[in-house]
């Protein structure tokens, strides 16, 4: 198994781990609070797989493209010594992430 494939499979496992609390909450309320069965288990399983792969590609793309840029910008702001600009950058990044 190549290193890239292994990293991708680990990313998929992380996505499943990150999504599992959401799935467990939904299943808990569906079965124990509403006392209903799943309306379309096959469709939900396909949807879960699509969300898992979508999240995996999204995070993988962030790690490849945006995280390195953000780290270099944060280091440049820290070297510049401007706490005000560093805080403005951190706020703008956090705000835009929340909006996205």
PDB file of N, CA and C in Angstrom:
ATOM      1  N   UNK A   1       0.854  -1.172   0.000  1.00  0.00           N
ATOM      2  CA  UNK A   1       0.000   0.000   0.000  1.00  0.00           C
ATOM      3  C   UNK A   1       0.903   1.239   0.000  1.00  0.00           C
ATOM      4  N   UNK A   2       0.598   2.180  -0.875  1.00  0.00           N
ATOM      5  CA  UNK A   2       1.429   3.369  -0.975  1.00  0.00           C
ATOM      6  C   UNK A   2       1.168   4.308   0.199  1.00  0.00           C
ATOM      7  N   UNK A   3       2.103   5.210   0.390  1.00  0.00           N
ATOM      8  CA  UNK A   3       1.998   6.160   1.488  1.00  0.00           C
ATOM      9  C   UNK A   3       0.802   7.094   1.309  1.00  0.00           C
ATOM     10  N   UNK A   4       0.545   7.510   0.078  1.00  0.00           N
ATOM     11  CA  UNK A   4      -0.577   8.410  -0.194  1.00  0.00           C
ATOM     12  C   UNK A   4      -1.908   7.706   0.062  1.00  0.00           C
ATOM     13  N   UNK A   5      -2.029   6.457  -0.357  1.00  0.00           N
ATOM     14  CA  UNK A   5      -3.264   5.708  -0.129  1.00  0.00           C
ATOM     15  C   UNK A   5      -3.499   5.492   1.360  1.00  0.00           C
ATOM     16  N   UNK A   6      -2.441   5.175   2.074  1.00  0.00           N
ATOM     17  CA  UNK A   6      -2.554   4.978   3.528  1.00  0.00           C
ATOM     18  C   UNK A   6      -3.020   6.273   4.208  1.00  0.00           C
ATOM     19  N   UNK A   7      -2.456   7.411   3.787  1.00  0.00           N
ATOM     20  CA  UNK A   7      -2.854   8.698   4.356  1.00  0.00           C
ATOM     21  C   UNK A   7      -4.319   8.998   4.043  1.00  0.00           C
ATOM     22  N   UNK A   8      -4.750   8.681   2.828  1.00  0.00           N
ATOM     23  CA  UNK A   8      -6.144   8.909   2.446  1.00  0.00           C
ATOM     24  C   UNK A   8      -7.086   8.028   3.257  1.00  0.00           C
ATOM     25  N   UNK A   9      -6.731   6.768   3.456  1.00  0.00           N
ATOM     26  CA  UNK A   9      -7.573   5.872   4.255  1.00  0.00           C
ATOM     27  C   UNK A   9      -7.643   6.340   5.708  1.00  0.00           C
ATOM     28  N   UNK A  10      -6.535   6.855   6.225  1.00  0.00           N
ATOM     29  CA  UNK A  10      -6.554   7.406   7.575  1.00  0.00           C
ATOM     30  C   UNK A  10      -7.454   8.635   7.647  1.00  0.00           C
ATOM     31  N   UNK A  11      -7.471   9.438   6.581  1.00  0.00           N
ATOM     32  CA  UNK A  11      -8.352  10.597   6.528  1.00  0.00           C
ATOM     33  C   UNK A  11      -9.811  10.171   6.539  1.00  0.00           C
ATOM     34  N   UNK A  12     -10.125   9.111   5.812  1.00  0.00           N
ATOM     35  CA  UNK A  12     -11.496   8.588   5.807  1.00  0.00           C
ATOM     36  C   UNK A  12     -11.884   8.121   7.207  1.00  0.00           C
ATOM     37  N   UNK A  13     -10.995   7.422   7.878  1.00  0.00           N
ATOM     38  CA  UNK A  13     -11.287   6.952   9.236  1.00  0.00           C
ATOM     39  C   UNK A  13     -11.483   8.124  10.196  1.00  0.00           C
ATOM     40  N   UNK A  14     -10.698   9.181  10.048  1.00  0.00           N
ATOM     41  CA  UNK A  14     -10.884  10.375  10.881  1.00  0.00           C
ATOM     42  C   UNK A  14     -12.239  11.015  10.608  1.00  0.00           C
ATOM     43  N   UNK A  15     -12.652  11.044   9.342  1.00  0.00           N
ATOM     44  CA  UNK A  15     -13.958  11.611   9.007  1.00  0.00           C
ATOM     45  C   UNK A  15     -15.083  10.793   9.624  1.00  0.00           C
ATOM     46  N   UNK A  16     -14.974   9.483   9.563  1.00  0.00           N
ATOM     47  CA  UNK A  16     -15.989   8.618  10.178  1.00  0.00           C
ATOM     48  C   UNK A  16     -16.022   8.867  11.686  1.00  0.00           C
ATOM     49  N   UNK A  17     -14.854   8.981  12.295  1.00  0.00           N
ATOM     50  CA  UNK A  17     -14.785   9.254  13.739  1.00  0.00           C
ATOM     51  C   UNK A  17     -15.421  10.607  14.068  1.00  0.00           C
ATOM     52  N   UNK A  18     -15.164  11.607  13.241  1.00  0.00           N
ATOM     53  CA  UNK A  18     -15.711  12.942  13.481  1.00  0.00           C
ATOM     54  C   UNK A  18     -17.221  12.998  13.263  1.00  0.00           C
ATOM     55  N   UNK A  19     -17.727  12.216  12.331  1.00  0.00           N
ATOM     56  CA  UNK A  19     -19.163  12.211  12.031  1.00  0.00           C
ATOM     57  C   UNK A  19     -19.972  11.292  12.943  1.00  0.00           C
ATOM     58  N   UNK A  20     -19.321  10.329  13.591  1.00  0.00           N
ATOM     59  CA  UNK A  20     -20.052   9.336  14.377  1.00  0.00           C
ATOM     60  C   UNK A  20     -20.877   9.941  15.517  1.00  0.00           C
ATOM     61  N   UNK A  21     -20.420  10.987  16.243  1.00  0.00           N
ATOM     62  CA  UNK A  21     -21.308  11.548  17.271  1.00  0.00           C
ATOM     63  C   UNK A  21     -22.604  12.120  16.692  1.00  0.00           C
ATOM     64  N   UNK A  22     -22.517  12.737  15.522  1.00  0.00           N
ATOM     65  CA  UNK A  22     -23.714  13.290  14.890  1.00  0.00           C
ATOM     66  C   UNK A  22     -24.682  12.167  14.537  1.00  0.00           C
ATOM     67  N   UNK A  23     -24.145  11.102  13.946  1.00  0.00           N
ATOM     68  CA  UNK A  23     -24.977   9.957  13.565  1.00  0.00           C
ATOM     69  C   UNK A  23     -25.611   9.324  14.802  1.00  0.00           C
ATOM     70  N   UNK A  24     -24.834   9.181  15.879  1.00  0.00           N
ATOM     71  CA  UNK A  24     -25.365   8.572  17.103  1.00  0.00           C
ATOM     72  C   UNK A  24     -26.489   9.418  17.714  1.00  0.00           C
ATOM     73  N   UNK A  25     -26.341  10.728  17.696  1.00  0.00           N
ATOM     74  CA  UNK A  25     -27.396  11.604  18.218  1.00  0.00           C
ATOM     75  C   UNK A  25     -28.663  11.460  17.379  1.00  0.00           C
ATOM     76  N   UNK A  26     -28.510  11.463  16.068  1.00  0.00           N
ATOM     77  CA  UNK A  26     -29.673  11.316  15.184  1.00  0.00           C
ATOM     78  C   UNK A  26     -30.361   9.976  15.415  1.00  0.00           C
ATOM     79  N   UNK A  27     -29.577   8.905  15.492  1.00  0.00           N
ATOM     80  CA  UNK A  27     -30.163   7.579  15.716  1.00  0.00           C
ATOM     81  C   UNK A  27     -30.833   7.481  17.084  1.00  0.00           C
ATOM     82  N   UNK A  28     -30.196   8.073  18.100  1.00  0.00           N
ATOM     83  CA  UNK A  28     -30.794   8.064  19.439  1.00  0.00           C
ATOM     84  C   UNK A  28     -32.173   8.713  19.428  1.00  0.00           C
ATOM     85  N   UNK A  29     -32.267   9.905  18.863  1.00  0.00           N
ATOM     86  CA  UNK A  29     -33.552  10.590  18.840  1.00  0.00           C
ATOM     87  C   UNK A  29     -34.558   9.884  17.941  1.00  0.00           C
ATOM     88  N   UNK A  30     -34.097   9.327  16.846  1.00  0.00           N
ATOM     89  CA  UNK A  30     -34.999   8.632  15.932  1.00  0.00           C
ATOM     90  C   UNK A  30     -35.623   7.406  16.601  1.00  0.00           C
ATOM     91  N   UNK A  31     -34.770   6.604  17.277  1.00  0.00           N
ATOM     92  CA  UNK A  31     -35.257   5.339  17.839  1.00  0.00           C
ATOM     93  C   UNK A  31     -35.840   5.482  19.237  1.00  0.00           C
ATOM     94  N   UNK A  32     -35.197   6.258  20.111  1.00  0.00           N
ATOM     95  CA  UNK A  32     -35.592   6.259  21.522  1.00  0.00           C
ATOM     96  C   UNK A  32     -36.505   7.417  21.902  1.00  0.00           C
ATOM     97  N   UNK A  33     -36.413   8.532  21.235  1.00  0.00           N
ATOM     98  CA  UNK A  33     -37.276   9.659  21.582  1.00  0.00           C
ATOM     99  C   UNK A  33     -38.525   9.651  20.704  1.00  0.00           C
ATOM    100  N   UNK A  34     -38.337   9.515  19.396  1.00  0.00           N
ATOM    101  CA  UNK A  34     -39.484   9.521  18.479  1.00  0.00           C
ATOM    102  C   UNK A  34     -40.115   8.146  18.294  1.00  0.00           C
ATOM    103  N   UNK A  35     -39.395   7.088  18.684  1.00  0.00           N
ATOM    104  CA  UNK A  35     -39.868   5.705  18.519  1.00  0.00           C
ATOM    105  C   UNK A  35     -40.253   5.406  17.077  1.00  0.00           C
ATOM    106  N   UNK A  36     -39.447   5.820  16.154  1.00  0.00           N
ATOM    107  CA  UNK A  36     -39.693   5.590  14.726  1.00  0.00           C
ATOM    108  C   UNK A  36     -38.527   4.817  14.133  1.00  0.00           C
ATOM    109  N   UNK A  37     -38.836   4.032  13.096  1.00  0.00           N
ATOM    110  CA  UNK A  37     -37.761   3.362  12.359  1.00  0.00           C
ATOM    111  C   UNK A  37     -37.213   4.326  11.303  1.00  0.00           C
ATOM    112  N   UNK A  38     -36.088   3.974  10.732  1.00  0.00           N
ATOM    113  CA  UNK A  38     -35.495   4.816   9.695  1.00  0.00           C
ATOM    114  C   UNK A  38     -36.345   4.732   8.430  1.00  0.00           C
ATOM    115  N   UNK A  39     -36.696   5.863   7.832  1.00  0.00           N
ATOM    116  CA  UNK A  39     -37.568   5.828   6.655  1.00  0.00           C
ATOM    117  C   UNK A  39     -36.910   5.198   5.430  1.00  0.00           C
ATOM    118  N   UNK A  40     -35.615   5.437   5.243  1.00  0.00           N
ATOM    119  CA  UNK A  40     -34.904   4.907   4.072  1.00  0.00           C
ATOM    120  C   UNK A  40     -33.465   4.576   4.473  1.00  0.00           C
ATOM    121  N   UNK A  41     -33.272   3.410   5.124  1.00  0.00           N
ATOM    122  CA  UNK A  41     -31.933   3.083   5.628  1.00  0.00           C
ATOM    123  C   UNK A  41     -30.870   3.024   4.525  1.00  0.00           C
ATOM    124  N   UNK A  42     -31.231   2.499   3.362  1.00  0.00           N
ATOM    125  CA  UNK A  42     -30.270   2.421   2.256  1.00  0.00           C
ATOM    126  C   UNK A  42     -29.846   3.799   1.784  1.00  0.00           C
ATOM    127  N   UNK A  43     -30.813   4.686   1.634  1.00  0.00           N
ATOM    128  CA  UNK A  43     -30.508   6.050   1.224  1.00  0.00           C
ATOM    129  C   UNK A  43     -29.677   6.783   2.260  1.00  0.00           C
ATOM    130  N   UNK A  44     -29.986   6.526   3.532  1.00  0.00           N
ATOM    131  CA  UNK A  44     -29.207   7.161   4.599  1.00  0.00           C
ATOM    132  C   UNK A  44     -27.775   6.652   4.592  1.00  0.00           C
ATOM    133  N   UNK A  45     -27.597   5.371   4.321  1.00  0.00           N
ATOM    134  CA  UNK A  45     -26.244   4.805   4.270  1.00  0.00           C
ATOM    135  C   UNK A  45     -25.448   5.396   3.111  1.00  0.00           C
ATOM    136  N   UNK A  46     -26.081   5.540   1.965  1.00  0.00           N
ATOM    137  CA  UNK A  46     -25.419   6.174   0.813  1.00  0.00           C
ATOM    138  C   UNK A  46     -25.093   7.630   1.146  1.00  0.00           C
ATOM    139  N   UNK A  47     -26.031   8.321   1.775  1.00  0.00           N
ATOM    140  CA  UNK A  47     -25.795   9.709   2.167  1.00  0.00           C
ATOM    141  C   UNK A  47     -24.651   9.832   3.149  1.00  0.00           C
ATOM    142  N   UNK A  48     -24.586   8.927   4.114  1.00  0.00           N
ATOM    143  CA  UNK A  48     -23.490   8.933   5.085  1.00  0.00           C
ATOM    144  C   UNK A  48     -22.151   8.714   4.391  1.00  0.00           C
ATOM    145  N   UNK A  49     -22.128   7.803   3.422  1.00  0.00           N
ATOM    146  CA  UNK A  49     -20.883   7.559   2.675  1.00  0.00           C
ATOM    147  C   UNK A  49     -20.480   8.800   1.884  1.00  0.00           C
ATOM    148  N   UNK A  50     -21.446   9.460   1.244  1.00  0.00           N
ATOM    149  CA  UNK A  50     -21.137  10.672   0.482  1.00  0.00           C
ATOM    150  C   UNK A  50     -20.633  11.797   1.380  1.00  0.00           C
ATOM    151  N   UNK A  51     -21.279  11.970   2.541  1.00  0.00           N
ATOM    152  CA  UNK A  51     -20.826  12.994   3.488  1.00  0.00           C
ATOM    153  C   UNK A  51     -19.417  12.669   3.982  1.00  0.00           C
ATOM    154  N   UNK A  52     -19.162  11.397   4.247  1.00  0.00           N
ATOM    155  CA  UNK A  52     -17.835  10.989   4.715  1.00  0.00           C
ATOM    156  C   UNK A  52     -16.765  11.304   3.672  1.00  0.00           C
ATOM    157  N   UNK A  53     -17.014  10.938   2.427  1.00  0.00           N
ATOM    158  CA  UNK A  53     -16.033  11.223   1.382  1.00  0.00           C
ATOM    159  C   UNK A  53     -15.912  12.723   1.125  1.00  0.00           C
ATOM    160  N   UNK A  54     -17.030  13.435   1.175  1.00  0.00           N
ATOM    161  CA  UNK A  54     -16.978  14.884   0.983  1.00  0.00           C
ATOM    162  C   UNK A  54     -16.169  15.567   2.062  1.00  0.00           C
ATOM    163  N   UNK A  55     -16.398  15.180   3.313  1.00  0.00           N
ATOM    164  CA  UNK A  55     -15.626  15.749   4.417  1.00  0.00           C
ATOM    165  C   UNK A  55     -14.152  15.382   4.302  1.00  0.00           C
ATOM    166  N   UNK A  56     -13.884  14.155   3.898  1.00  0.00           N
ATOM    167  CA  UNK A  56     -12.498  13.717   3.737  1.00  0.00           C
ATOM    168  C   UNK A  56     -11.780  14.555   2.694  1.00  0.00           C
ATOM    169  N   UNK A  57     -12.406  14.738   1.531  1.00  0.00           N
ATOM    170  CA  UNK A  57     -11.780  15.548   0.483  1.00  0.00           C
ATOM    171  C   UNK A  57     -11.644  17.006   0.914  1.00  0.00           C
ATOM    172  N   UNK A  58     -12.644  17.522   1.605  1.00  0.00           N
ATOM    173  CA  UNK A  58     -12.603  18.904   2.073  1.00  0.00           C
ATOM    174  C   UNK A  58     -11.430  19.122   3.024  1.00  0.00           C
ATOM    175  N   UNK A  59     -11.309  18.275   4.034  1.00  0.00           N
ATOM    176  CA  UNK A  59     -10.231  18.417   5.014  1.00  0.00           C
ATOM    177  C   UNK A  59      -8.882  18.154   4.357  1.00  0.00           C
ATOM    178  N   UNK A  60      -8.815  17.173   3.476  1.00  0.00           N
ATOM    179  CA  UNK A  60      -7.564  16.879   2.764  1.00  0.00           C
ATOM    180  C   UNK A  60      -7.129  18.088   1.931  1.00  0.00           C
ATOM    181  N   UNK A  61      -8.080  18.732   1.280  1.00  0.00           N
ATOM    182  CA  UNK A  61      -7.771  19.927   0.503  1.00  0.00           C
ATOM    183  C   UNK A  61      -7.313  21.075   1.392  1.00  0.00           C
ATOM    184  N   UNK A  62      -7.954  21.238   2.541  1.00  0.00           N
ATOM    185  CA  UNK A  62      -7.517  22.272   3.480  1.00  0.00           C
ATOM    186  C   UNK A  62      -6.087  22.030   3.934  1.00  0.00           C
ATOM    187  N   UNK A  63      -5.788  20.776   4.266  1.00  0.00           N
ATOM    188  CA  UNK A  63      -4.441  20.447   4.736  1.00  0.00           C
ATOM    189  C   UNK A  63      -3.389  20.679   3.656  1.00  0.00           C
ATOM    190  N   UNK A  64      -3.767  20.439   2.412  1.00  0.00           N
ATOM    191  CA  UNK A  64      -2.807  20.613   1.315  1.00  0.00           C
ATOM    192  C   UNK A  64      -2.669  22.069   0.881  1.00  0.00           C
ATOM    193  N   UNK A  65      -3.784  22.794   0.841  1.00  0.00           N
ATOM    194  CA  UNK A  65      -3.764  24.109   0.222  1.00  0.00           C
ATOM    195  C   UNK A  65      -3.795  25.293   1.166  1.00  0.00           C
ATOM    196  N   UNK A  66      -4.726  25.277   2.109  1.00  0.00           N
ATOM    197  CA  UNK A  66      -4.922  26.471   2.925  1.00  0.00           C
ATOM    198  C   UNK A  66      -4.128  26.485   4.222  1.00  0.00           C
ATOM    199  N   UNK A  67      -3.962  25.342   4.869  1.00  0.00           N
ATOM    200  CA  UNK A  67      -3.235  25.324   6.139  1.00  0.00           C
ATOM    201  C   UNK A  67      -1.795  25.829   5.997  1.00  0.00           C
ATOM    202  N   UNK A  68      -1.051  25.399   4.971  1.00  0.00           N
ATOM    203  CA  UNK A  68       0.313  25.917   4.844  1.00  0.00           C
ATOM    204  C   UNK A  68       0.361  27.438   4.649  1.00  0.00           C
ATOM    205  N   UNK A  69      -0.581  27.967   3.871  1.00  0.00           N
ATOM    206  CA  UNK A  69      -0.627  29.415   3.664  1.00  0.00           C
ATOM    207  C   UNK A  69      -0.942  30.124   4.976  1.00  0.00           C
ATOM    208  N   UNK A  70      -1.916  29.629   5.706  1.00  0.00           N
ATOM    209  CA  UNK A  70      -2.287  30.224   6.986  1.00  0.00           C
ATOM    210  C   UNK A  70      -1.157  30.196   7.994  1.00  0.00           C
ATOM    211  N   UNK A  71      -0.438  29.058   8.046  1.00  0.00           N
ATOM    212  CA  UNK A  71       0.690  28.955   8.969  1.00  0.00           C
ATOM    213  C   UNK A  71       1.796  29.942   8.608  1.00  0.00           C
ATOM    214  N   UNK A  72       2.101  30.060   7.316  1.00  0.00           N
ATOM    215  CA  UNK A  72       3.161  30.990   6.916  1.00  0.00           C
ATOM    216  C   UNK A  72       2.751  32.433   7.179  1.00  0.00           C
ATOM    217  N   UNK A  73       1.473  32.763   6.970  1.00  0.00           N
ATOM    218  CA  UNK A  73       1.003  34.118   7.260  1.00  0.00           C
ATOM    219  C   UNK A  73       1.042  34.402   8.756  1.00  0.00           C
ATOM    220  N   UNK A  74       0.629  33.452   9.577  1.00  0.00           N
ATOM    221  CA  UNK A  74       0.669  33.645  11.025  1.00  0.00           C
ATOM    222  C   UNK A  74       2.110  33.830  11.501  1.00  0.00           C
ATOM    223  N   UNK A  75       3.033  33.040  10.955  1.00  0.00           N
ATOM    224  CA  UNK A  75       4.450  33.199  11.314  1.00  0.00           C
ATOM    225  C   UNK A  75       4.982  34.560  10.883  1.00  0.00           C
ATOM    226  N   UNK A  76       4.577  35.011   9.700  1.00  0.00           N
ATOM    227  CA  UNK A  76       5.029  36.317   9.218  1.00  0.00           C
ATOM    228  C   UNK A  76       4.492  37.436  10.107  1.00  0.00           C
ATOM    229  N   UNK A  77       3.226  37.339  10.512  1.00  0.00           N
ATOM    230  CA  UNK A  77       2.666  38.341  11.418  1.00  0.00           C
ATOM    231  C   UNK A  77       3.385  38.322  12.765  1.00  0.00           C
ATOM    232  N   UNK A  78       3.699  37.124  13.266  1.00  0.00           N
ATOM    233  CA  UNK A  78       4.398  37.022  14.543  1.00  0.00           C
ATOM    234  C   UNK A  78       5.810  37.605  14.450  1.00  0.00           C
ATOM    235  N   UNK A  79       6.510  37.342  13.338  1.00  0.00           N
ATOM    236  CA  UNK A  79       7.858  37.908  13.154  1.00  0.00           C
ATOM    237  C   UNK A  79       7.803  39.422  13.018  1.00  0.00           C
ATOM    238  N   UNK A  80       6.749  39.904  12.395  1.00  0.00           N
ATOM    239  CA  UNK A  80       6.598  41.351  12.209  1.00  0.00           C
ATOM    240  C   UNK A  80       6.412  42.055  13.551  1.00  0.00           C
ATOM    241  N   UNK A  81       5.867  41.337  14.521  1.00  0.00           N
ATOM    242  CA  UNK A  81       5.718  41.880  15.866  1.00  0.00           C
ATOM    243  C   UNK A  81       4.478  42.722  16.063  1.00  0.00           C
ATOM    244  N   UNK A  82       3.572  42.693  15.124  1.00  0.00           N
ATOM    245  CA  UNK A  82       2.358  43.495  15.230  1.00  0.00           C
ATOM    246  C   UNK A  82       1.233  42.636  15.797  1.00  0.00           C
ATOM    247  N   UNK A  83       0.987  42.811  17.083  1.00  0.00           N
ATOM    248  CA  UNK A  83      -0.069  42.042  17.737  1.00  0.00           C
ATOM    249  C   UNK A  83      -1.430  42.441  17.187  1.00  0.00           C
ATOM    250  N   UNK A  84      -1.602  43.719  16.871  1.00  0.00           N
ATOM    251  CA  UNK A  84      -2.883  44.188  16.349  1.00  0.00           C
ATOM    252  C   UNK A  84      -3.208  43.497  15.028  1.00  0.00           C
ATOM    253  N   UNK A  85      -2.258  43.450  14.097  1.00  0.00           N
ATOM    254  CA  UNK A  85      -2.502  42.799  12.808  1.00  0.00           C
ATOM    255  C   UNK A  85      -2.699  41.293  12.970  1.00  0.00           C
ATOM    256  N   UNK A  86      -1.972  40.681  13.904  1.00  0.00           N
ATOM    257  CA  UNK A  86      -2.134  39.249  14.160  1.00  0.00           C
ATOM    258  C   UNK A  86      -3.551  38.971  14.682  1.00  0.00           C
ATOM    259  N   UNK A  87      -4.046  39.809  15.588  1.00  0.00           N
ATOM    260  CA  UNK A  87      -5.402  39.622  16.108  1.00  0.00           C
ATOM    261  C   UNK A  87      -6.460  39.872  15.035  1.00  0.00           C
ATOM    262  N   UNK A  88      -6.242  40.881  14.194  1.00  0.00           N
ATOM    263  CA  UNK A  88      -7.183  41.149  13.100  1.00  0.00           C
ATOM    264  C   UNK A  88      -7.216  39.956  12.139  1.00  0.00           C
ATOM    265  N   UNK A  89      -6.027  39.426  11.812  1.00  0.00           N
ATOM    266  CA  UNK A  89      -5.945  38.254  10.931  1.00  0.00           C
ATOM    267  C   UNK A  89      -6.666  37.061  11.562  1.00  0.00           C
ATOM    268  N   UNK A  90      -6.414  36.807  12.857  1.00  0.00           N
ATOM    269  CA  UNK A  90      -7.042  35.671  13.539  1.00  0.00           C
ATOM    270  C   UNK A  90      -8.564  35.833  13.568  1.00  0.00           C
ATOM    271  N   UNK A  91      -9.032  37.055  13.854  1.00  0.00           N
ATOM    272  CA  UNK A  91     -10.475  37.303  13.878  1.00  0.00           C
ATOM    273  C   UNK A  91     -11.084  37.098  12.508  1.00  0.00           C
ATOM    274  N   UNK A  92     -10.447  37.673  11.462  1.00  0.00           N
ATOM    275  CA  UNK A  92     -10.974  37.560  10.114  1.00  0.00           C
ATOM    276  C   UNK A  92     -11.021  36.106   9.661  1.00  0.00           C
ATOM    277  N   UNK A  93      -9.980  35.340   9.995  1.00  0.00           N
ATOM    278  CA  UNK A  93      -9.936  33.929   9.620  1.00  0.00           C
ATOM    279  C   UNK A  93     -11.030  33.139  10.351  1.00  0.00           C
ATOM    280  N   UNK A  94     -11.168  33.371  11.659  1.00  0.00           N
ATOM    281  CA  UNK A  94     -12.207  32.680  12.412  1.00  0.00           C
ATOM    282  C   UNK A  94     -13.604  33.055  11.960  1.00  0.00           C
ATOM    283  N   UNK A  95     -13.812  34.341  11.680  1.00  0.00           N
ATOM    284  CA  UNK A  95     -15.123  34.807  11.234  1.00  0.00           C
ATOM    285  C   UNK A  95     -15.481  34.209   9.881  1.00  0.00           C
ATOM    286  N   UNK A  96     -14.526  34.253   8.935  1.00  0.00           N
ATOM    287  CA  UNK A  96     -14.809  33.706   7.602  1.00  0.00           C
ATOM    288  C   UNK A  96     -15.012  32.201   7.640  1.00  0.00           C
ATOM    289  N   UNK A  97     -14.308  31.510   8.536  1.00  0.00           N
ATOM    290  CA  UNK A  97     -14.499  30.073   8.686  1.00  0.00           C
ATOM    291  C   UNK A  97     -15.907  29.774   9.203  1.00  0.00           C
ATOM    292  N   UNK A  98     -16.363  30.575  10.173  1.00  0.00           N
ATOM    293  CA  UNK A  98     -17.706  30.393  10.722  1.00  0.00           C
ATOM    294  C   UNK A  98     -18.766  30.651   9.662  1.00  0.00           C
ATOM    295  N   UNK A  99     -18.583  31.693   8.856  1.00  0.00           N
ATOM    296  CA  UNK A  99     -19.537  32.009   7.805  1.00  0.00           C
ATOM    297  C   UNK A  99     -19.579  30.890   6.763  1.00  0.00           C
ATOM    298  N   UNK A 100     -18.408  30.349   6.427  1.00  0.00           N
ATOM    299  CA  UNK A 100     -18.340  29.280   5.427  1.00  0.00           C
ATOM    300  C   UNK A 100     -19.029  28.053   5.939  1.00  0.00           C
TER     301      UNK A 100
END
